[in-house]
Amino acid sequence: MKKIGVVTLLASFALAMAGCSSGGQTEEPATDSSKAASKGNEKVEISAVGSTALQPLVENIADIYMTDNPNYTIVVQGGGSGTGLSQIVAGAVDIGNSDIFAEEKDGIDASELVDNQIAVVGMAPVVNKDAGVEDLTTEQLIDVFTGKVTNWKDLGGKDQDILVVNRAQGSGTRATFEKWALNGAQSIASQEQDSSGTVKKIVAETPGAVSYLAFSYLDDTLTTLKVDGVEATTENVATNDWKIWSYEHMYTRKDAKPEVKEFIDYILSDDVQKNVVEKLNYIPITSMDVTRDVDGNIK
């Protein structure tokens, strides 16, 4: 079986990632050829559904894996973490991608699932570049997203109405943002969107718009807000100085087929963690200085 390395594929993916609003261009990493997990010519199909924050990463890794394993078809779709968790519990998909622990989602029996934590994702509040603000306190951020403040001039910005663009209910990105950025407050929304890519486009093009995105979607078309003077960086996530982050979970059923387990093992390999996960603005699990459990306890 002919091997094509991560370097060659990531170079071809850089433009595609930019087109789907993945945030910045991907550098070509130096790496050995990726190791195909399965051998043989039998057709294998794997479906992964859920988190749109995780979607760009899984799509890129799936493309690399399918090139190394042409007998594989891996379909990756969004829909939100709630959809991913519901679909994997129902047995409708092979992998449920989620930004939140299964235990945090009502109606989900986490005991039926295997939690594969494959990366960490930082998330940040973002505003249209013309809003005229760059740094908010936590209290100000809560006031913006709960509708207490409705004009950027009240926060030192332009005389411009604030338009809150929210993710839909069931979004793990929304749940993470409300829990860790808004201290559990429920955000209002002038509109709700199912896709992080759509949120990015709206905020970039709409005066006064504000929302939140995973680091993988951030670029210079938006202003990424500091919170209490702290910048949204992977280094600050690793130490928990930036608290708006979550694990990226790829949930499987306990009776998952071997090919699914092999694909996830491939994602957790040192080669992929260092040369794909990190390059696409996610954080390898091994790069974290802290751990956080489902109850929010930091160790």
C-alpha atoms as a PDB file:
ATOM      1  CA  MET A   1       0.000   0.000   0.000  1.00  0.00           C
ATOM      2  CA  LYS A   2       1.460   3.326  -1.062  1.00  0.00           C
ATOM      3  CA  LYS A   3       1.975   5.789   1.800  1.00  0.00           C
ATOM      4  CA  ILE A   4       1.511   9.524   1.479  1.00  0.00           C
ATOM      5  CA  GLY A   5       2.841  11.530   4.384  1.00  0.00           C
ATOM      6  CA  VAL A   6       1.177  14.168   6.482  1.00  0.00           C
ATOM      7  CA  VAL A   7       3.424  16.873   4.976  1.00  0.00           C
ATOM      8  CA  THR A   8       2.162  16.458   1.414  1.00  0.00           C
ATOM      9  CA  LEU A   9      -1.464  16.285   2.419  1.00  0.00           C
ATOM     10  CA  LEU A  10      -1.424  19.201   4.828  1.00  0.00           C
ATOM     11  CA  ALA A  11       0.082  21.393   2.129  1.00  0.00           C
ATOM     12  CA  SER A  12      -2.871  20.624  -0.147  1.00  0.00           C
ATOM     13  CA  PHE A  13      -5.347  21.085   2.708  1.00  0.00           C
ATOM     14  CA  ALA A  14      -4.186  24.594   3.694  1.00  0.00           C
ATOM     15  CA  LEU A  15      -6.260  26.348   1.031  1.00  0.00           C
ATOM     16  CA  ALA A  16      -9.273  24.168   1.711  1.00  0.00           C
ATOM     17  CA  MET A  17      -9.099  24.933   5.425  1.00  0.00           C
ATOM     18  CA  ALA A  18      -8.967  28.665   4.694  1.00  0.00           C
ATOM     19  CA  GLY A  19     -12.020  28.301   2.476  1.00  0.00           C
ATOM     20  CA  CYS A  20     -14.049  26.574   5.192  1.00  0.00           C
ATOM     21  CA  SER A  21     -13.113  29.205   7.801  1.00  0.00           C
ATOM     22  CA  SER A  22     -10.765  27.049   9.812  1.00  0.00           C
ATOM     23  CA  GLY A  23      -8.679  29.978  10.931  1.00  0.00           C
ATOM     24  CA  GLY A  24      -5.266  30.790   9.526  1.00  0.00           C
ATOM     25  CA  GLN A  25      -3.082  28.783   7.202  1.00  0.00           C
ATOM     26  CA  THR A  26      -1.543  25.484   8.131  1.00  0.00           C
ATOM     27  CA  GLU A  27       2.215  25.229   8.056  1.00  0.00           C
ATOM     28  CA  GLU A  28       3.728  22.138   6.530  1.00  0.00           C
ATOM     29  CA  PRO A  29       5.001  19.987   9.389  1.00  0.00           C
ATOM     30  CA  ALA A  30       8.046  17.787   9.168  1.00  0.00           C
ATOM     31  CA  THR A  31       6.927  14.240   9.794  1.00  0.00           C
ATOM     32  CA  ASP A  32       7.404  10.670   8.780  1.00  0.00           C
ATOM     33  CA  SER A  33       4.826   9.029   6.559  1.00  0.00           C
ATOM     34  CA  SER A  34       1.639   8.280   8.444  1.00  0.00           C
ATOM     35  CA  LYS A  35       1.138   4.679   9.426  1.00  0.00           C
ATOM     36  CA  ALA A  36      -1.949   2.997   8.056  1.00  0.00           C
ATOM     37  CA  ALA A  37      -3.725   1.090  10.769  1.00  0.00           C
ATOM     38  CA  SER A  38      -5.596  -1.437   8.676  1.00  0.00           C
ATOM     39  CA  LYS A  39      -4.464  -3.665   5.859  1.00  0.00           C
ATOM     40  CA  GLY A  40      -6.326  -5.367   3.062  1.00  0.00           C
ATOM     41  CA  ASN A  41      -8.755  -4.240   0.399  1.00  0.00           C
ATOM     42  CA  GLU A  42     -12.049  -4.839   2.140  1.00  0.00           C
ATOM     43  CA  LYS A  43     -14.239  -1.746   2.015  1.00  0.00           C
ATOM     44  CA  VAL A  44     -14.614   0.009   5.358  1.00  0.00           C
ATOM     45  CA  GLU A  45     -17.068   2.833   6.101  1.00  0.00           C
ATOM     46  CA  ILE A  46     -16.857   5.033   9.201  1.00  0.00           C
ATOM     47  CA  SER A  47     -19.256   7.844  10.076  1.00  0.00           C
ATOM     48  CA  ALA A  48     -18.459  10.661  12.509  1.00  0.00           C
ATOM     49  CA  VAL A  49     -21.073  13.301  13.394  1.00  0.00           C
ATOM     50  CA  GLY A  50     -21.286  16.157  15.878  1.00  0.00           C
ATOM     51  CA  SER A  51     -19.171  19.090  17.019  1.00  0.00           C
ATOM     52  CA  THR A  52     -18.426  21.702  14.360  1.00  0.00           C
ATOM     53  CA  ALA A  53     -15.534  22.946  16.491  1.00  0.00           C
ATOM     54  CA  LEU A  54     -13.923  19.521  16.083  1.00  0.00           C
ATOM     55  CA  GLN A  55     -15.052  18.973  12.511  1.00  0.00           C
ATOM     56  CA  PRO A  56     -12.099  20.644  10.673  1.00  0.00           C
ATOM     57  CA  LEU A  57      -9.577  18.513  12.560  1.00  0.00           C
ATOM     58  CA  VAL A  58     -11.370  15.217  12.027  1.00  0.00           C
ATOM     59  CA  GLU A  59     -11.953  16.013   8.349  1.00  0.00           C
ATOM     60  CA  ASN A  60      -8.260  16.644   7.758  1.00  0.00           C
ATOM     61  CA  ILE A  61      -7.121  13.540   9.608  1.00  0.00           C
ATOM     62  CA  ALA A  62      -9.760  11.465   7.812  1.00  0.00           C
ATOM     63  CA  ASP A  63      -8.470  12.681   4.447  1.00  0.00           C
ATOM     64  CA  ILE A  64      -4.930  11.667   5.358  1.00  0.00           C
ATOM     65  CA  TYR A  65      -6.105   8.301   6.635  1.00  0.00           C
ATOM     66  CA  MET A  66      -8.173   7.579   3.529  1.00  0.00           C
ATOM     67  CA  THR A  67      -5.218   8.391   1.292  1.00  0.00           C
ATOM     68  CA  ASP A  68      -3.130   5.862   3.172  1.00  0.00           C
ATOM     69  CA  ASN A  69      -6.074   3.432   3.231  1.00  0.00           C
ATOM     70  CA  PRO A  70      -7.968   3.781  -0.068  1.00  0.00           C
ATOM     71  CA  ASN A  71     -10.399   1.065   0.982  1.00  0.00           C
ATOM     72  CA  TYR A  72     -11.743   3.394   3.698  1.00  0.00           C
ATOM     73  CA  THR A  73     -14.587   5.879   3.386  1.00  0.00           C
ATOM     74  CA  ILE A  74     -14.782   8.195   6.400  1.00  0.00           C
ATOM     75  CA  VAL A  75     -17.686  10.635   6.377  1.00  0.00           C
ATOM     76  CA  VAL A  76     -17.428  13.571   8.811  1.00  0.00           C
ATOM     77  CA  GLN A  77     -20.428  15.826   9.435  1.00  0.00           C
ATOM     78  CA  GLY A  78     -21.328  18.613  11.861  1.00  0.00           C
ATOM     79  CA  GLY A  79     -24.672  19.219  13.512  1.00  0.00           C
ATOM     80  CA  GLY A  80     -23.432  20.036  17.009  1.00  0.00           C
ATOM     81  CA  SER A  81     -22.290  18.046  20.022  1.00  0.00           C
ATOM     82  CA  GLY A  82     -25.830  17.202  21.086  1.00  0.00           C
ATOM     83  CA  THR A  83     -26.483  15.622  17.722  1.00  0.00           C
ATOM     84  CA  GLY A  84     -23.241  13.661  17.885  1.00  0.00           C
ATOM     85  CA  LEU A  85     -24.023  12.291  21.325  1.00  0.00           C
ATOM     86  CA  SER A  86     -27.604  11.406  20.442  1.00  0.00           C
ATOM     87  CA  GLN A  87     -26.550   9.684  17.233  1.00  0.00           C
ATOM     88  CA  ILE A  88     -23.822   7.569  18.825  1.00  0.00           C
ATOM     89  CA  VAL A  89     -26.119   6.455  21.651  1.00  0.00           C
ATOM     90  CA  ALA A  90     -28.738   5.487  19.067  1.00  0.00           C
ATOM     91  CA  GLY A  91     -26.161   3.485  17.139  1.00  0.00           C
ATOM     92  CA  ALA A  92     -26.766   5.587  14.020  1.00  0.00           C
ATOM     93  CA  VAL A  93     -23.088   6.568  13.614  1.00  0.00           C
ATOM     94  CA  ASP A  94     -19.705   5.091  14.487  1.00  0.00           C
ATOM     95  CA  ILE A  95     -18.330   8.183  16.254  1.00  0.00           C
ATOM     96  CA  GLY A  96     -20.062  11.010  18.101  1.00  0.00           C
ATOM     97  CA  ASN A  97     -17.907  14.144  18.163  1.00  0.00           C
ATOM     98  CA  SER A  98     -18.503  16.389  21.152  1.00  0.00           C
ATOM     99  CA  ASP A  99     -17.055  19.419  22.923  1.00  0.00           C
ATOM    100  CA  ILE A 100     -18.718  18.373  26.167  1.00  0.00           C
ATOM    101  CA  PHE A 101     -18.705  15.299  28.362  1.00  0.00           C
ATOM    102  CA  ALA A 102     -21.562  12.904  27.618  1.00  0.00           C
ATOM    103  CA  GLU A 103     -22.555  13.207  31.281  1.00  0.00           C
ATOM    104  CA  GLU A 104     -23.369  16.881  30.700  1.00  0.00           C
ATOM    105  CA  LYS A 105     -26.028  16.149  28.088  1.00  0.00           C
ATOM    106  CA  ASP A 106     -29.537  15.325  29.303  1.00  0.00           C
ATOM    107  CA  GLY A 107     -30.867  12.022  28.069  1.00  0.00           C
ATOM    108  CA  ILE A 108     -27.473  10.530  27.286  1.00  0.00           C
ATOM    109  CA  ASP A 109     -26.398   7.327  29.044  1.00  0.00           C
ATOM    110  CA  ALA A 110     -22.635   7.824  29.238  1.00  0.00           C
ATOM    111  CA  SER A 111     -22.163   4.311  30.593  1.00  0.00           C
ATOM    112  CA  GLU A 112     -22.866   2.962  27.103  1.00  0.00           C
ATOM    113  CA  LEU A 113     -20.019   4.954  25.580  1.00  0.00           C
ATOM    114  CA  VAL A 114     -16.229   5.081  25.475  1.00  0.00           C
ATOM    115  CA  ASP A 115     -14.787   8.585  25.912  1.00  0.00           C
ATOM    116  CA  ASN A 116     -11.850   9.113  23.548  1.00  0.00           C
ATOM    117  CA  GLN A 117     -10.353  12.522  24.353  1.00  0.00           C
ATOM    118  CA  ILE A 118      -8.270  13.309  21.279  1.00  0.00           C
ATOM    119  CA  ALA A 119      -7.399  17.000  21.774  1.00  0.00           C
ATOM    120  CA  VAL A 120      -8.200  20.190  23.637  1.00  0.00           C
ATOM    121  CA  VAL A 121      -9.855  23.160  21.959  1.00  0.00           C
ATOM    122  CA  GLY A 122      -9.669  26.725  23.152  1.00  0.00           C
ATOM    123  CA  MET A 123     -12.623  29.026  22.487  1.00  0.00           C
ATOM    124  CA  ALA A 124     -12.785  32.787  22.466  1.00  0.00           C
ATOM    125  CA  PRO A 125     -15.262  35.657  22.151  1.00  0.00           C
ATOM    126  CA  VAL A 126     -14.977  37.410  18.793  1.00  0.00           C
ATOM    127  CA  VAL A 127     -16.338  40.711  17.493  1.00  0.00           C
ATOM    128  CA  ASN A 128     -16.564  42.480  14.181  1.00  0.00           C
ATOM    129  CA  LYS A 129     -13.344  44.400  13.613  1.00  0.00           C
ATOM    130  CA  ASP A 130     -15.161  47.751  13.494  1.00  0.00           C
ATOM    131  CA  ALA A 131     -16.646  47.429  16.998  1.00  0.00           C
ATOM    132  CA  GLY A 132     -13.662  49.221  18.509  1.00  0.00           C
ATOM    133  CA  VAL A 133     -13.136  46.942  21.513  1.00  0.00           C
ATOM    134  CA  GLU A 134     -10.318  44.500  22.234  1.00  0.00           C
ATOM    135  CA  ASP A 135     -10.487  43.647  25.946  1.00  0.00           C
ATOM    136  CA  LEU A 136     -13.457  43.064  28.245  1.00  0.00           C
ATOM    137  CA  THR A 137     -13.755  42.081  31.859  1.00  0.00           C
ATOM    138  CA  THR A 138     -15.689  38.940  32.669  1.00  0.00           C
ATOM    139  CA  GLU A 139     -18.514  41.099  34.026  1.00  0.00           C
ATOM    140  CA  GLN A 140     -18.642  43.132  30.803  1.00  0.00           C
ATOM    141  CA  LEU A 141     -18.625  39.974  28.714  1.00  0.00           C
ATOM    142  CA  ILE A 142     -21.574  38.593  30.683  1.00  0.00           C
ATOM    143  CA  ASP A 143     -23.404  41.923  30.277  1.00  0.00           C
ATOM    144  CA  VAL A 144     -22.913  41.780  26.499  1.00  0.00           C
ATOM    145  CA  PHE A 145     -24.130  38.216  26.083  1.00  0.00           C
ATOM    146  CA  THR A 146     -27.074  38.568  28.475  1.00  0.00           C
ATOM    147  CA  GLY A 147     -28.269  41.801  26.867  1.00  0.00           C
ATOM    148  CA  LYS A 148     -27.520  44.207  29.735  1.00  0.00           C
ATOM    149  CA  VAL A 149     -25.239  46.244  27.468  1.00  0.00           C
ATOM    150  CA  THR A 150     -26.560  46.861  23.967  1.00  0.00           C
ATOM    151  CA  ASN A 151     -24.135  49.377  22.442  1.00  0.00           C
ATOM    152  CA  TRP A 152     -20.355  49.122  22.077  1.00  0.00           C
ATOM    153  CA  LYS A 153     -19.918  52.793  23.068  1.00  0.00           C
ATOM    154  CA  ASP A 154     -20.784  51.806  26.649  1.00  0.00           C
ATOM    155  CA  LEU A 155     -17.667  49.605  26.644  1.00  0.00           C
ATOM    156  CA  GLY A 156     -15.301  52.118  25.064  1.00  0.00           C
ATOM    157  CA  GLY A 157     -16.064  51.145  21.495  1.00  0.00           C
ATOM    158  CA  LYS A 158     -18.003  52.738  18.650  1.00  0.00           C
ATOM    159  CA  ASP A 159     -21.568  53.994  18.800  1.00  0.00           C
ATOM    160  CA  GLN A 160     -22.861  50.757  17.347  1.00  0.00           C
ATOM    161  CA  ASP A 161     -25.611  48.386  18.395  1.00  0.00           C
ATOM    162  CA  ILE A 162     -24.459  44.987  19.663  1.00  0.00           C
ATOM    163  CA  LEU A 163     -25.697  41.979  17.689  1.00  0.00           C
ATOM    164  CA  VAL A 164     -25.252  38.720  19.626  1.00  0.00           C
ATOM    165  CA  VAL A 165     -24.828  35.748  17.291  1.00  0.00           C
ATOM    166  CA  ASN A 166     -25.258  32.510  19.186  1.00  0.00           C
ATOM    167  CA  ARG A 167     -24.858  28.826  18.447  1.00  0.00           C
ATOM    168  CA  ALA A 168     -28.022  26.765  18.620  1.00  0.00           C
ATOM    169  CA  GLN A 169     -29.117  24.837  21.684  1.00  0.00           C
ATOM    170  CA  GLY A 170     -27.269  21.522  21.756  1.00  0.00           C
ATOM    171  CA  SER A 171     -24.024  23.085  20.609  1.00  0.00           C
ATOM    172  CA  GLY A 172     -21.053  22.034  22.720  1.00  0.00           C
ATOM    173  CA  THR A 173     -19.285  25.273  21.818  1.00  0.00           C
ATOM    174  CA  ARG A 174     -22.206  27.223  23.256  1.00  0.00           C
ATOM    175  CA  ALA A 175     -22.348  25.078  26.384  1.00  0.00           C
ATOM    176  CA  THR A 176     -18.612  25.504  26.933  1.00  0.00           C
ATOM    177  CA  PHE A 177     -18.740  29.258  26.402  1.00  0.00           C
ATOM    178  CA  GLU A 178     -21.684  29.784  28.733  1.00  0.00           C
ATOM    179  CA  LYS A 179     -20.139  27.624  31.427  1.00  0.00           C
ATOM    180  CA  TRP A 180     -16.607  28.993  31.405  1.00  0.00           C
ATOM    181  CA  ALA A 181     -16.883  32.506  29.930  1.00  0.00           C
ATOM    182  CA  LEU A 182     -20.274  33.561  31.299  1.00  0.00           C
ATOM    183  CA  ASN A 183     -20.061  31.751  34.644  1.00  0.00           C
ATOM    184  CA  GLY A 184     -23.127  29.711  33.745  1.00  0.00           C
ATOM    185  CA  ALA A 185     -25.304  32.600  32.565  1.00  0.00           C
ATOM    186  CA  GLN A 186     -27.628  31.922  29.626  1.00  0.00           C
ATOM    187  CA  SER A 187     -26.792  34.057  26.619  1.00  0.00           C
ATOM    188  CA  ILE A 188     -29.420  35.866  24.597  1.00  0.00           C
ATOM    189  CA  ALA A 189     -29.263  35.795  20.831  1.00  0.00           C
ATOM    190  CA  SER A 190     -30.433  38.020  18.029  1.00  0.00           C
ATOM    191  CA  GLN A 191     -29.973  34.921  15.920  1.00  0.00           C
ATOM    192  CA  GLU A 192     -28.779  31.334  16.315  1.00  0.00           C
ATOM    193  CA  GLN A 193     -26.639  29.336  13.909  1.00  0.00           C
ATOM    194  CA  ASP A 194     -25.854  25.623  13.623  1.00  0.00           C
ATOM    195  CA  SER A 195     -22.354  26.052  12.206  1.00  0.00           C
ATOM    196  CA  SER A 196     -19.194  27.691  13.505  1.00  0.00           C
ATOM    197  CA  GLY A 197     -18.264  28.538   9.920  1.00  0.00           C
ATOM    198  CA  THR A 198     -21.528  30.428   9.466  1.00  0.00           C
ATOM    199  CA  VAL A 199     -21.018  32.251  12.776  1.00  0.00           C
ATOM    200  CA  LYS A 200     -17.569  33.374  11.671  1.00  0.00           C
ATOM    201  CA  LYS A 201     -18.880  34.709   8.355  1.00  0.00           C
ATOM    202  CA  ILE A 202     -21.713  36.643  10.008  1.00  0.00           C
ATOM    203  CA  VAL A 203     -19.494  38.249  12.644  1.00  0.00           C
ATOM    204  CA  ALA A 204     -16.852  39.193  10.076  1.00  0.00           C
ATOM    205  CA  GLU A 205     -19.398  40.826   7.781  1.00  0.00           C
ATOM    206  CA  THR A 206     -21.899  42.383  10.221  1.00  0.00           C
ATOM    207  CA  PRO A 207     -21.138  45.658  12.056  1.00  0.00           C
ATOM    208  CA  GLY A 208     -21.543  45.278  15.810  1.00  0.00           C
ATOM    209  CA  ALA A 209     -21.737  41.494  15.728  1.00  0.00           C
ATOM    210  CA  VAL A 210     -20.261  39.407  18.552  1.00  0.00           C
ATOM    211  CA  SER A 211     -20.059  35.663  19.139  1.00  0.00           C
ATOM    212  CA  TYR A 212     -17.528  32.972  20.084  1.00  0.00           C
ATOM    213  CA  LEU A 213     -15.483  30.446  18.144  1.00  0.00           C
ATOM    214  CA  ALA A 214     -12.971  27.667  18.579  1.00  0.00           C
ATOM    215  CA  PHE A 215      -9.348  28.697  18.083  1.00  0.00           C
ATOM    216  CA  SER A 216      -9.265  26.746  14.815  1.00  0.00           C
ATOM    217  CA  TYR A 217     -11.630  29.331  13.294  1.00  0.00           C
ATOM    218  CA  LEU A 218      -9.796  32.471  14.436  1.00  0.00           C
ATOM    219  CA  ASP A 219      -8.022  34.729  11.969  1.00  0.00           C
ATOM    220  CA  ASP A 220      -7.499  38.400  11.142  1.00  0.00           C
ATOM    221  CA  THR A 221     -10.998  38.847   9.699  1.00  0.00           C
ATOM    222  CA  LEU A 222     -12.211  39.104  13.308  1.00  0.00           C
ATOM    223  CA  THR A 223     -11.128  40.727  16.545  1.00  0.00           C
ATOM    224  CA  THR A 224     -10.470  38.085  19.188  1.00  0.00           C
ATOM    225  CA  LEU A 225     -11.236  39.614  22.559  1.00  0.00           C
ATOM    226  CA  LYS A 226      -9.001  39.428  25.583  1.00  0.00           C
ATOM    227  CA  VAL A 227     -10.830  38.695  28.832  1.00  0.00           C
ATOM    228  CA  ASP A 228      -9.572  40.393  32.002  1.00  0.00           C
ATOM    229  CA  GLY A 229      -6.398  41.218  30.092  1.00  0.00           C
ATOM    230  CA  VAL A 230      -5.636  37.572  29.267  1.00  0.00           C
ATOM    231  CA  GLU A 231      -5.069  36.607  25.634  1.00  0.00           C
ATOM    232  CA  ALA A 232      -6.707  33.625  23.991  1.00  0.00           C
ATOM    233  CA  THR A 233      -3.599  31.525  23.308  1.00  0.00           C
ATOM    234  CA  THR A 234      -2.824  27.837  23.433  1.00  0.00           C
ATOM    235  CA  GLU A 235      -0.147  28.543  26.033  1.00  0.00           C
ATOM    236  CA  ASN A 236      -2.709  30.178  28.318  1.00  0.00           C
ATOM    237  CA  VAL A 237      -5.145  27.304  27.802  1.00  0.00           C
ATOM    238  CA  ALA A 238      -2.460  24.772  28.758  1.00  0.00           C
ATOM    239  CA  THR A 239      -2.034  26.437  32.155  1.00  0.00           C
ATOM    240  CA  ASN A 240      -5.751  27.252  32.575  1.00  0.00           C
ATOM    241  CA  ASP A 241      -4.986  30.981  32.665  1.00  0.00           C
ATOM    242  CA  TRP A 242      -7.449  31.067  29.774  1.00  0.00           C
ATOM    243  CA  LYS A 243     -10.401  29.117  31.123  1.00  0.00           C
ATOM    244  CA  ILE A 244     -12.602  28.904  28.031  1.00  0.00           C
ATOM    245  CA  TRP A 245     -11.626  25.488  26.695  1.00  0.00           C
ATOM    246  CA  SER A 246     -12.869  21.957  26.491  1.00  0.00           C
ATOM    247  CA  TYR A 247     -11.739  18.482  25.629  1.00  0.00           C
ATOM    248  CA  GLU A 248     -12.558  17.259  22.163  1.00  0.00           C
ATOM    249  CA  HIS A 249     -14.282  13.909  22.581  1.00  0.00           C
ATOM    250  CA  MET A 250     -14.772  11.270  19.914  1.00  0.00           C
ATOM    251  CA  TYR A 251     -17.287   8.993  21.603  1.00  0.00           C
ATOM    252  CA  THR A 252     -17.677   5.404  20.450  1.00  0.00           C
ATOM    253  CA  ARG A 253     -19.869   2.564  21.605  1.00  0.00           C
ATOM    254  CA  LYS A 254     -18.283  -0.170  23.685  1.00  0.00           C
ATOM    255  CA  ASP A 255     -18.924  -2.618  20.870  1.00  0.00           C
ATOM    256  CA  ALA A 256     -17.358  -0.396  18.204  1.00  0.00           C
ATOM    257  CA  LYS A 257     -15.883  -2.241  15.251  1.00  0.00           C
ATOM    258  CA  PRO A 258     -12.066  -2.680  15.306  1.00  0.00           C
ATOM    259  CA  GLU A 259     -11.563  -0.330  12.360  1.00  0.00           C
ATOM    260  CA  VAL A 260     -13.104   2.537  14.334  1.00  0.00           C
ATOM    261  CA  LYS A 261     -10.803   1.873  17.290  1.00  0.00           C
ATOM    262  CA  GLU A 262      -7.800   1.760  14.933  1.00  0.00           C
ATOM    263  CA  PHE A 263      -8.750   5.132  13.427  1.00  0.00           C
ATOM    264  CA  ILE A 264      -8.951   6.733  16.862  1.00  0.00           C
ATOM    265  CA  ASP A 265      -5.638   5.150  17.883  1.00  0.00           C
ATOM    266  CA  TYR A 266      -4.161   6.721  14.768  1.00  0.00           C
ATOM    267  CA  ILE A 267      -5.471  10.164  15.812  1.00  0.00           C
ATOM    268  CA  LEU A 268      -3.860   9.701  19.242  1.00  0.00           C
ATOM    269  CA  SER A 269      -0.498   8.706  17.756  1.00  0.00           C
ATOM    270  CA  ASP A 270       2.459  11.008  18.417  1.00  0.00           C
ATOM    271  CA  ASP A 271       2.832  11.714  14.707  1.00  0.00           C
ATOM    272  CA  VAL A 272      -0.705  13.007  14.266  1.00  0.00           C
ATOM    273  CA  GLN A 273      -0.839  14.805  17.618  1.00  0.00           C
ATOM    274  CA  LYS A 274       2.347  16.753  16.881  1.00  0.00           C
ATOM    275  CA  ASN A 275       2.009  17.305  13.163  1.00  0.00           C
ATOM    276  CA  VAL A 276      -1.702  17.689  12.551  1.00  0.00           C
ATOM    277  CA  VAL A 277      -3.500  18.477  15.818  1.00  0.00           C
ATOM    278  CA  GLU A 278      -1.058  21.211  16.808  1.00  0.00           C
ATOM    279  CA  LYS A 279      -0.744  22.692  13.328  1.00  0.00           C
ATOM    280  CA  LEU A 280      -4.496  23.170  13.042  1.00  0.00           C
ATOM    281  CA  ASN A 281      -4.654  25.240  16.263  1.00  0.00           C
ATOM    282  CA  TYR A 282      -5.885  22.487  18.532  1.00  0.00           C
ATOM    283  CA  ILE A 283      -3.909  21.431  21.591  1.00  0.00           C
ATOM    284  CA  PRO A 284      -2.516  17.911  21.997  1.00  0.00           C
ATOM    285  CA  ILE A 285      -3.621  16.264  25.216  1.00  0.00           C
ATOM    286  CA  THR A 286       0.029  15.809  26.216  1.00  0.00           C
ATOM    287  CA  SER A 287       0.639  19.581  25.970  1.00  0.00           C
ATOM    288  CA  MET A 288      -1.767  20.391  28.807  1.00  0.00           C
ATOM    289  CA  ASP A 289      -0.289  21.306  32.186  1.00  0.00           C
ATOM    290  CA  VAL A 290      -3.639  20.696  33.890  1.00  0.00           C
ATOM    291  CA  THR A 291      -6.558  18.303  33.650  1.00  0.00           C
ATOM    292  CA  ARG A 292     -10.248  19.099  34.174  1.00  0.00           C
ATOM    293  CA  ASP A 293     -12.980  16.608  35.038  1.00  0.00           C
ATOM    294  CA  VAL A 294     -16.676  16.703  34.189  1.00  0.00           C
ATOM    295  CA  ASP A 295     -17.386  18.689  37.367  1.00  0.00           C
ATOM    296  CA  GLY A 296     -14.827  21.341  36.422  1.00  0.00           C
ATOM    297  CA  ASN A 297     -12.220  20.342  38.996  1.00  0.00           C
ATOM    298  CA  ILE A 298      -8.695  21.279  37.951  1.00  0.00           C
ATOM    299  CA  LYS A 299      -5.706  19.091  38.770  1.00  0.00           C
END
